[in-house]
Amino acid sequence: MEIPVIDFSQLDGENRSKTMALLHNACEKWGFFKIENHGVNKDLMEKVKNLVNSHYENNLKASFYESEVVKSLGNGRTSNMDWESSFFISHRPKSNMDEFQNLSEDLRKAMDEYIAQLIELAEKLSELMCENLSLEKHHIKKAFSGKTGPSVGTKVAKYPKCPQPENVRGLREHTDAGGIILLLQDDQVPGLEFLKDGEWVQIPPSKNNAIFVNTGDQIEVLSNGRYKSALHRVMTIKDGSRLSIATFYNPAGDAIISPAQKLLYPNQFSFADYLKLYATTKFLDKEPRFESLKKMTSACNGVIV
């Protein structure tokens, strides 16, 4: 399958409508896609990858191969384990970077610069999603904000070489709990797979520092099921150690998430009322009919649409 590719450089020209349609289809039918010409500094992305790889080699690799998951693989007990070495950095609303004593100053600084640019990209993407869903421009950001603004964090992971890839996953099948996930991944080693129409689609390594995006459970809820949260996994391999730097643009912990009112079908109406409206709109599009009925039922129930 050909993974959807969204070229952000086309959003400002005559191909904007086509590009927006591609994005809408990717969110609606796939739940994952790749962004090119995203505006994030590619030298900075390369620097972050190199520094993370060095951090793993110097601080995490040895301890991983002494970990319980490695011992369990030797004993054949791996059904509830993942073959990964990872840690999670919180960025917003409060950074926890200082809690990691062995992170180099270069990595801290590069990560802060990278995340600042990535948040801009995530919010631009959220605005484009809102436009495609006919929602107010900042609806997703407002829905995610709570009292302190959207929550942003990064899972930094390596999926090391595995002597028995047939017996353990790098990361077991799951959907992501949050909102918009932006992935800076390895440019050489594969392993990521997404489920599409009952088939596992292999996501190739990201060349030229393209950013891979998937939508999480909260986007599916907020869009009333229009946009999908796709099942995915990471496979292990014998011959390579895969890098994954996944940044999550998520709701704040106190954010109250619900489907956007505009995307809900009308409900709590009698069929007789529907037939009265239908009698005068039978040969017109059904969407305005639904909107009229939604306003009628909302007014009766005291709900502001």
Protein backbone atom coordinates (compact mmCIF):
# COMPACT_ATOMS: atom_id res chain seq x y z
CA MET A 1 0.00 0.00 0.00
CA GLU A 2 1.17 3.51 -0.78
CA ILE A 3 1.28 5.48 2.49
CA PRO A 4 -0.32 8.95 2.17
CA VAL A 5 2.23 11.76 1.80
CA ILE A 6 1.21 15.34 2.62
CA ASP A 7 3.47 18.02 1.14
CA PHE A 8 3.06 21.10 3.32
CA SER A 9 4.75 23.29 0.69
CA GLN A 10 1.59 22.87 -1.40
CA LEU A 11 -0.71 24.44 1.20
CA ASP A 12 -0.04 28.02 0.09
CA GLY A 13 -0.49 27.64 -3.65
CA GLU A 14 -2.97 26.50 -6.26
CA ASN A 15 -2.75 22.91 -4.96
CA ARG A 16 -4.09 23.78 -1.49
CA SER A 17 -7.53 22.22 -2.04
CA LYS A 18 -6.00 19.01 -3.35
CA THR A 19 -3.54 18.86 -0.44
CA MET A 20 -6.29 19.47 2.11
CA ALA A 21 -8.34 16.68 0.53
CA LEU A 22 -5.33 14.33 0.76
CA LEU A 23 -4.93 15.19 4.44
CA HIS A 24 -8.63 14.65 5.12
CA ASN A 25 -8.57 11.25 3.42
CA ALA A 26 -5.42 10.24 5.32
CA CYS A 27 -7.03 11.11 8.67
CA GLU A 28 -10.37 9.55 7.77
CA LYS A 29 -9.31 6.35 6.03
CA TRP A 30 -5.80 5.64 7.32
CA GLY A 31 -5.08 7.30 10.68
CA PHE A 32 -1.43 7.74 9.69
CA PHE A 33 0.56 9.59 7.04
CA LYS A 34 3.89 11.22 6.25
CA ILE A 35 4.57 14.98 6.10
CA GLU A 36 7.20 16.45 3.79
CA ASN A 37 8.41 20.07 3.71
CA HIS A 38 7.08 20.50 7.24
CA GLY A 39 9.26 23.47 8.18
CA VAL A 40 11.11 21.85 11.09
CA ASN A 41 14.85 22.47 10.76
CA LYS A 42 16.37 19.31 9.28
CA ASP A 43 19.88 19.97 10.63
CA LEU A 44 18.34 20.19 14.10
CA MET A 45 16.43 16.93 13.54
CA GLU A 46 19.65 15.21 12.49
CA LYS A 47 21.41 16.59 15.56
CA VAL A 48 18.68 15.29 17.88
CA LYS A 49 18.89 11.82 16.33
CA ASN A 50 22.67 11.68 16.63
CA LEU A 51 22.63 12.85 20.24
CA VAL A 52 19.92 10.36 21.21
CA ASN A 53 21.85 7.53 19.56
CA SER A 54 24.98 8.54 21.48
CA HIS A 55 23.00 8.71 24.72
CA TYR A 56 21.72 5.19 24.17
CA GLU A 57 25.17 3.78 23.38
CA ASN A 58 26.81 5.46 26.38
CA ASN A 59 24.08 5.14 29.02
CA LEU A 60 21.36 2.61 28.16
CA LYS A 61 22.62 -0.15 25.89
CA ALA A 62 24.54 -2.18 28.45
CA SER A 63 21.74 -2.08 31.01
CA PHE A 64 19.17 -3.10 28.40
CA TYR A 65 21.02 -6.33 27.59
CA GLU A 66 21.07 -7.10 31.32
CA SER A 67 17.33 -6.38 31.71
CA GLU A 68 14.48 -8.73 32.57
CA VAL A 69 13.12 -8.73 29.02
CA VAL A 70 16.41 -10.10 27.67
CA LYS A 71 16.53 -12.77 30.38
CA SER A 72 12.88 -13.64 29.65
CA LEU A 73 13.59 -14.07 25.94
CA GLY A 74 16.17 -16.70 26.83
CA ASN A 75 13.57 -18.48 28.97
CA GLY A 76 10.81 -18.20 26.36
CA ARG A 77 8.56 -15.87 28.44
CA THR A 78 7.91 -12.75 26.37
CA SER A 79 4.15 -12.54 25.71
CA ASN A 80 3.67 -9.50 27.95
CA MET A 81 6.97 -7.73 27.29
CA ASP A 82 8.36 -5.27 24.76
CA TRP A 83 11.88 -5.36 23.33
CA GLU A 84 12.64 -1.68 23.80
CA SER A 85 14.83 0.73 25.74
CA SER A 86 12.92 3.95 26.34
CA PHE A 87 12.32 6.96 28.53
CA PHE A 88 9.70 9.73 28.49
CA ILE A 89 10.42 13.46 28.55
CA SER A 90 7.63 15.87 29.54
CA HIS A 91 7.82 19.30 27.88
CA ARG A 92 4.50 21.05 28.52
CA PRO A 93 3.05 22.28 30.77
CA LYS A 94 6.19 21.53 32.81
CA SER A 95 9.49 20.02 31.74
CA ASN A 96 11.00 17.08 33.60
CA MET A 97 14.29 17.23 31.68
CA ASP A 98 16.25 18.01 34.85
CA GLU A 99 15.21 14.67 36.33
CA PHE A 100 17.49 12.86 33.86
CA GLN A 101 20.94 13.31 35.35
CA ASN A 102 22.87 11.72 32.49
CA LEU A 103 21.38 13.71 29.60
CA SER A 104 24.08 15.86 28.01
CA GLU A 105 23.64 19.61 27.88
CA ASP A 106 23.80 19.40 24.08
CA LEU A 107 20.90 16.93 24.01
CA ARG A 108 18.80 19.02 26.41
CA LYS A 109 19.30 22.16 24.35
CA ALA A 110 18.70 20.44 21.00
CA MET A 111 15.58 18.72 22.29
CA ASP A 112 14.14 22.00 23.62
CA GLU A 113 14.73 23.71 20.25
CA TYR A 114 13.27 20.77 18.35
CA ILE A 115 10.15 20.55 20.53
CA ALA A 116 9.44 24.28 20.17
CA GLN A 117 9.32 23.83 16.38
CA LEU A 118 7.36 20.58 16.64
CA ILE A 119 4.65 22.18 18.77
CA GLU A 120 4.17 24.79 16.05
CA LEU A 121 3.81 21.98 13.50
CA ALA A 122 1.35 20.05 15.72
CA GLU A 123 -0.82 23.13 16.18
CA LYS A 124 -0.73 23.92 12.47
CA LEU A 125 -1.79 20.35 11.77
CA SER A 126 -4.59 20.61 14.34
CA GLU A 127 -5.85 23.77 12.61
CA LEU A 128 -5.85 22.02 9.23
CA MET A 129 -7.80 19.11 10.72
CA CYS A 130 -10.32 21.58 12.14
CA GLU A 131 -10.69 23.23 8.75
CA ASN A 132 -11.34 19.88 7.10
CA LEU A 133 -13.93 19.03 9.76
CA SER A 134 -15.58 22.46 9.41
CA LEU A 135 -14.76 23.27 13.02
CA GLU A 136 -13.52 26.55 14.44
CA LYS A 137 -9.79 26.95 13.73
CA HIS A 138 -8.58 26.39 17.31
CA HIS A 139 -11.20 23.83 18.38
CA ILE A 140 -8.71 20.99 18.96
CA LYS A 141 -6.25 23.19 20.84
CA LYS A 142 -9.02 24.58 23.05
CA ALA A 143 -10.45 21.10 23.68
CA PHE A 144 -6.99 19.88 24.68
CA SER A 145 -6.04 22.87 26.83
CA GLY A 146 -7.60 22.33 30.26
CA LYS A 147 -6.25 24.89 32.73
CA THR A 148 -2.62 24.84 31.57
CA GLY A 149 -2.70 24.21 27.82
CA PRO A 150 -2.16 21.00 25.84
CA SER A 151 0.21 18.41 27.25
CA VAL A 152 3.34 17.69 25.19
CA GLY A 153 5.81 14.88 25.82
CA THR A 154 8.29 12.71 23.93
CA LYS A 155 8.93 8.99 24.15
CA VAL A 156 12.55 8.39 23.22
CA ALA A 157 13.08 4.75 22.27
CA LYS A 158 15.56 2.36 20.78
CA TYR A 159 14.51 -1.05 19.54
CA PRO A 160 17.79 -2.98 19.79
CA LYS A 161 18.99 -5.88 17.71
CA CYS A 162 17.12 -9.00 18.74
CA PRO A 163 18.49 -12.56 18.43
CA GLN A 164 14.95 -14.07 18.28
CA PRO A 165 12.68 -11.57 16.47
CA GLU A 166 10.05 -14.23 15.90
CA ASN A 167 9.48 -14.52 19.67
CA VAL A 168 9.04 -10.92 20.82
CA ARG A 169 7.64 -7.60 19.61
CA GLY A 170 9.56 -4.37 19.88
CA LEU A 171 6.22 -2.91 20.98
CA ARG A 172 2.97 -4.85 21.15
CA GLU A 173 -0.14 -3.91 19.14
CA HIS A 174 -1.88 -0.79 20.47
CA THR A 175 -3.52 2.50 19.59
CA ASP A 176 -2.19 5.73 21.09
CA ALA A 177 -4.23 7.20 23.93
CA GLY A 178 -3.64 10.85 23.10
CA GLY A 179 -4.06 13.31 20.27
CA ILE A 180 -1.55 13.98 17.48
CA ILE A 181 1.67 11.97 17.41
CA LEU A 182 4.66 13.22 15.42
CA LEU A 183 7.42 10.70 14.87
CA LEU A 184 11.06 11.32 14.03
CA GLN A 185 12.30 7.86 13.24
CA ASP A 186 15.26 5.94 11.96
CA ASP A 187 16.35 6.55 8.37
CA GLN A 188 17.87 3.08 7.95
CA VAL A 189 16.18 0.46 10.15
CA PRO A 190 12.50 -0.55 9.62
CA GLY A 191 10.10 -2.16 12.08
CA LEU A 192 7.03 0.07 12.48
CA GLU A 193 3.76 -1.38 11.16
CA PHE A 194 0.19 -0.03 11.04
CA LEU A 195 -3.03 -1.94 10.47
CA LYS A 196 -5.04 -0.86 7.41
CA ASP A 197 -8.10 -2.77 6.16
CA GLY A 198 -7.06 -5.89 8.02
CA GLU A 199 -3.48 -5.89 6.70
CA TRP A 200 -0.27 -4.83 8.42
CA VAL A 201 1.42 -2.06 6.44
CA GLN A 202 5.18 -1.75 6.84
CA ILE A 203 6.28 1.85 7.40
CA PRO A 204 9.65 2.37 5.71
CA PRO A 205 12.46 4.32 7.40
CA SER A 206 12.01 8.08 7.04
CA LYS A 207 14.29 9.51 4.37
CA ASN A 208 15.21 13.20 4.28
CA ASN A 209 13.81 13.64 7.82
CA ALA A 210 10.16 13.46 6.81
CA ILE A 211 7.88 13.37 9.85
CA PHE A 212 5.48 10.47 10.30
CA VAL A 213 2.13 11.31 11.92
CA ASN A 214 -0.62 9.23 13.44
CA THR A 215 -3.81 10.27 15.20
CA GLY A 216 -4.66 8.99 18.67
CA ASP A 217 -7.82 7.97 20.48
CA GLN A 218 -8.76 11.52 21.53
CA ILE A 219 -8.85 12.75 17.93
CA GLU A 220 -11.17 9.85 17.08
CA VAL A 221 -13.45 10.80 19.98
CA LEU A 222 -13.36 14.54 19.27
CA SER A 223 -14.15 13.95 15.57
CA ASN A 224 -17.03 11.62 16.49
CA GLY A 225 -15.27 8.76 14.70
CA ARG A 226 -14.56 10.66 11.48
CA TYR A 227 -10.79 10.47 12.04
CA LYS A 228 -9.29 7.16 13.06
CA SER A 229 -6.88 6.00 15.73
CA ALA A 230 -4.99 3.19 14.01
CA LEU A 231 -3.62 0.02 15.58
CA HIS A 232 0.16 -0.25 15.25
CA ARG A 233 3.16 -2.21 16.48
CA VAL A 234 6.96 -2.39 16.26
CA MET A 235 8.62 -5.56 15.01
CA THR A 236 12.10 -6.64 16.11
CA ILE A 237 14.90 -7.50 13.72
CA LYS A 238 18.26 -9.24 14.00
CA ASP A 239 20.37 -6.83 12.02
CA GLY A 240 19.59 -3.32 13.21
CA SER A 241 18.77 -1.10 16.16
CA ARG A 242 15.84 1.20 15.34
CA LEU A 243 15.51 4.76 16.65
CA SER A 244 12.10 6.27 17.49
CA ILE A 245 11.48 9.78 18.84
CA ALA A 246 7.70 10.12 19.17
CA THR A 247 6.26 13.43 20.36
CA PHE A 248 2.70 13.47 21.69
CA TYR A 249 0.49 16.55 21.39
CA ASN A 250 -2.12 15.49 23.94
CA PRO A 251 -4.98 16.86 26.00
CA ALA A 252 -4.12 18.23 29.42
CA GLY A 253 -4.91 15.82 32.23
CA ASP A 254 -7.92 17.90 33.29
CA ALA A 255 -9.24 18.49 29.75
CA ILE A 256 -12.80 17.22 29.26
CA ILE A 257 -13.00 15.47 25.91
CA SER A 258 -16.22 14.93 23.97
CA PRO A 259 -17.22 14.81 20.30
CA ALA A 260 -17.46 18.24 18.73
CA GLN A 261 -21.13 19.19 18.89
CA LYS A 262 -21.11 20.14 15.21
CA LEU A 263 -20.10 16.61 14.23
CA LEU A 264 -22.83 14.82 16.17
CA TYR A 265 -25.93 13.42 14.55
CA PRO A 266 -29.22 14.78 15.90
CA ASN A 267 -30.68 12.62 18.66
CA GLN A 268 -33.66 12.39 21.02
CA PHE A 269 -36.25 13.30 18.36
CA SER A 270 -39.50 11.64 17.39
CA PHE A 271 -39.91 10.08 13.99
CA ALA A 272 -43.06 12.18 13.51
CA ASP A 273 -41.01 15.38 13.88
CA TYR A 274 -38.49 14.04 11.40
CA LEU A 275 -41.21 13.28 8.86
CA LYS A 276 -42.56 16.85 9.13
CA LEU A 277 -39.13 18.22 8.26
CA TYR A 278 -38.60 15.56 5.61
CA ALA A 279 -41.84 16.49 3.84
CA THR A 280 -40.43 19.91 2.92
CA THR A 281 -36.83 18.85 2.28
CA LYS A 282 -37.14 15.41 0.68
CA PHE A 283 -35.44 16.41 -2.56
CA LEU A 284 -32.67 18.44 -0.93
CA ASP A 285 -29.40 17.30 0.62
CA LYS A 286 -29.88 15.50 3.93
CA GLU A 287 -27.06 17.34 5.79
CA PRO A 288 -29.00 20.65 6.20
CA ARG A 289 -31.99 18.58 7.32
CA PHE A 290 -29.88 16.95 10.03
CA GLU A 291 -28.53 20.35 11.11
CA SER A 292 -32.05 21.79 11.38
CA LEU A 293 -33.21 18.82 13.41
CA LYS A 294 -30.15 19.09 15.65
CA LYS A 295 -30.96 22.74 16.41
CA MET A 296 -34.56 21.86 17.14
CA THR A 297 -33.71 19.07 19.55
CA SER A 298 -30.92 21.09 21.19
CA ALA A 299 -33.29 23.99 21.81
CA CYS A 300 -35.82 21.62 23.39
CA ASN A 301 -33.11 20.14 25.63
CA GLY A 302 -31.54 23.47 26.50
CA VAL A 303 -28.24 22.65 24.76
CA ILE A 304 -26.25 25.39 23.03
CA VAL A 305 -24.93 24.26 19.64
